[in-house]
């Protein structure tokens, strides 16, 4: 019985350390969220750069009608009456525009983790109360043994 209490304390400390490092709110989860935050910050910076490029393109399109015509033709828009020569076998010059990256945080909603944490805390409280009571009983027995 005396060897059980230190073993339980060691197991509790070991479980606490494992939860601290590998739990859903532990160190590895924190690092994962930090990497996700850095990706989001980089994405925002890329979007700001793209926005400034688009603003510069817009101002040049507003100031130069010739540039607007060239830009319209590059995406496949022509004036009525324009003659268009299309070569077979050549790919179209129209390219899709991608703006920013769609970043999603992959978070698993694991009910077992919260159940495990709750049961571990409950077991720790029960074990601490049991240890306190067993120490109190052993001291009473020693004290009663010394009187008699």
Protein backbone atom coordinates (compact mmCIF):
# COMPACT_ATOMS: atom_id res chain seq x y z
CA UNK A 1 0.00 0.00 0.00
CA UNK A 2 2.88 2.38 0.75
CA UNK A 3 4.41 1.78 -2.68
CA UNK A 4 1.15 2.45 -4.47
CA UNK A 5 0.97 6.15 -3.62
CA UNK A 6 4.39 7.14 -5.10
CA UNK A 7 3.61 5.07 -8.18
CA UNK A 8 0.31 6.88 -8.62
CA UNK A 9 2.03 10.25 -8.25
CA UNK A 10 4.63 9.30 -10.87
CA UNK A 11 1.90 8.13 -13.25
CA UNK A 12 -0.07 11.32 -12.71
CA UNK A 13 2.99 13.51 -13.36
CA UNK A 14 3.86 11.47 -16.46
CA UNK A 15 0.30 11.78 -17.80
CA UNK A 16 0.35 15.53 -17.10
CA UNK A 17 3.61 15.97 -18.99
CA UNK A 18 2.28 13.95 -21.94
CA UNK A 19 -0.88 16.05 -22.04
CA UNK A 20 1.22 19.23 -21.82
CA UNK A 21 3.29 18.27 -24.85
CA UNK A 22 0.90 16.24 -27.00
CA UNK A 23 -2.63 17.17 -25.85
CA UNK A 24 -5.11 19.15 -27.93
CA UNK A 25 -4.16 22.28 -25.98
CA UNK A 26 -0.53 21.30 -25.51
CA UNK A 27 2.76 22.47 -26.92
CA UNK A 28 2.43 20.72 -30.29
CA UNK A 29 -1.05 22.21 -30.80
CA UNK A 30 0.36 25.64 -29.93
CA UNK A 31 3.13 25.25 -32.50
CA UNK A 32 0.61 24.14 -35.11
CA UNK A 33 -1.52 27.24 -34.44
CA UNK A 34 1.59 29.42 -34.59
CA UNK A 35 2.51 28.00 -38.03
CA UNK A 36 -1.08 28.62 -39.18
CA UNK A 37 -0.89 32.21 -37.92
CA UNK A 38 2.36 32.74 -39.86
CA UNK A 39 0.75 31.36 -43.04
CA UNK A 40 -2.20 33.71 -42.56
CA UNK A 41 0.13 36.68 -42.05
CA UNK A 42 2.06 35.76 -45.22
CA UNK A 43 -1.23 35.41 -47.11
CA UNK A 44 -2.35 38.85 -45.93
CA UNK A 45 0.98 40.35 -47.06
CA UNK A 46 0.62 38.66 -50.47
CA UNK A 47 -2.94 39.97 -50.80
CA UNK A 48 -1.80 43.50 -49.92
CA UNK A 49 0.94 43.31 -52.56
CA UNK A 50 -1.57 41.99 -55.10
CA UNK A 51 -3.99 44.77 -54.15
CA UNK A 52 -1.35 47.45 -54.73
CA UNK A 53 -0.49 45.87 -58.11
CA UNK A 54 -4.16 45.84 -59.09
CA UNK A 55 -4.58 49.45 -57.96
CA UNK A 56 -1.62 50.45 -60.14
CA UNK A 57 -3.11 48.52 -63.08
CA UNK A 58 -6.48 50.20 -62.52
CA UNK A 59 -4.97 53.68 -62.50
CA UNK A 60 -3.01 52.93 -65.70
CA UNK A 61 -6.18 51.54 -67.35
CA UNK A 62 -8.12 54.68 -66.40
CA UNK A 63 -5.43 56.99 -67.73
CA UNK A 64 -4.69 55.17 -71.00
CA UNK A 65 -7.52 54.04 -73.30
CA UNK A 66 -5.03 52.12 -75.48
CA UNK A 67 -3.90 50.10 -72.50
CA UNK A 68 -7.55 49.29 -71.72
CA UNK A 69 -8.05 47.98 -75.26
CA UNK A 70 -4.92 45.81 -75.05
CA UNK A 71 -5.97 44.47 -71.66
CA UNK A 72 -9.48 43.68 -72.91
CA UNK A 73 -8.09 41.81 -75.90
CA UNK A 74 -5.75 39.82 -73.67
CA UNK A 75 -8.72 38.41 -71.78
CA UNK A 76 -10.71 37.69 -74.94
CA UNK A 77 -12.90 40.80 -75.30
CA UNK A 78 -13.11 42.42 -78.73
CA UNK A 79 -15.03 45.34 -80.25
CA UNK A 80 -17.86 44.61 -82.65
CA UNK A 81 -16.40 44.31 -86.13
CA UNK A 82 -12.89 43.28 -84.98
CA UNK A 83 -11.53 40.36 -86.90
CA UNK A 84 -9.98 37.68 -84.70
CA UNK A 85 -7.53 35.14 -86.05
CA UNK A 86 -7.46 31.94 -84.01
CA UNK A 87 -4.85 29.29 -84.68
CA UNK A 88 -5.85 25.72 -84.08
CA UNK A 89 -3.69 23.78 -81.68
CA UNK A 90 -2.58 26.93 -79.85
CA UNK A 91 -3.75 27.36 -76.28
CA UNK A 92 -5.88 30.33 -75.41
CA UNK A 93 -4.05 33.22 -73.78
CA UNK A 94 -6.82 33.72 -71.26
CA UNK A 95 -5.44 32.70 -67.87
CA UNK A 96 -7.48 32.37 -64.71
CA UNK A 97 -6.58 34.76 -61.96
CA UNK A 98 -6.04 33.40 -58.48
CA UNK A 99 -6.21 35.91 -55.67
CA UNK A 100 -4.81 34.76 -52.35
CA UNK A 101 -4.69 31.32 -50.83
CA UNK A 102 -7.62 29.69 -49.16
CA UNK A 103 -6.24 28.63 -45.79
CA UNK A 104 -8.32 26.53 -43.46
CA UNK A 105 -7.37 25.38 -40.01
CA UNK A 106 -7.79 21.65 -39.71
CA UNK A 107 -8.93 21.07 -36.18
CA UNK A 108 -10.25 17.78 -35.04
CA UNK A 109 -13.12 17.89 -32.61
CA UNK A 110 -12.04 15.01 -30.42
CA UNK A 111 -14.43 14.38 -27.55
CA UNK A 112 -12.13 11.73 -26.10
CA UNK A 113 -9.52 14.34 -25.21
CA UNK A 114 -11.87 16.39 -23.02
CA UNK A 115 -13.27 13.20 -21.50
CA UNK A 116 -9.73 12.03 -20.75
CA UNK A 117 -8.80 15.36 -19.16
CA UNK A 118 -11.94 15.45 -17.02
CA UNK A 119 -11.47 11.89 -15.83
CA UNK A 120 -7.77 12.53 -15.12
CA UNK A 121 -8.59 15.58 -13.00
CA UNK A 122 -11.31 13.67 -11.17
CA UNK A 123 -8.97 10.73 -10.56
CA UNK A 124 -6.28 13.10 -9.30
CA UNK A 125 -8.69 14.68 -6.82
CA UNK A 126 -9.87 11.27 -5.61
CA UNK A 127 -6.30 9.99 -5.29
CA UNK A 128 -5.17 13.06 -3.37
CA UNK A 129 -8.13 12.75 -0.98
CA UNK A 130 -7.45 9.02 -0.58
CA UNK A 131 -3.74 9.71 0.09
CA UNK A 132 -4.59 12.39 2.65
CA UNK A 133 -7.01 10.09 4.46
CA UNK A 134 -4.58 7.15 4.43
CA UNK A 135 -1.79 9.33 5.85
CA UNK A 136 -4.17 10.59 8.52
CA UNK A 137 -5.18 7.01 9.45
CA UNK A 138 -1.58 5.84 9.62
CA UNK A 139 -0.65 8.76 11.87
CA UNK A 140 -3.64 8.00 14.14
CA UNK A 141 -2.59 4.37 14.38
CA UNK A 142 0.98 5.39 15.21
CA UNK A 143 -0.29 7.88 17.75
CA UNK A 144 -2.65 5.31 19.32
CA UNK A 145 0.20 2.75 19.35
CA UNK A 146 2.48 5.15 21.24
CA UNK A 147 -0.18 5.76 23.94
CA UNK A 148 -0.83 2.14 24.65
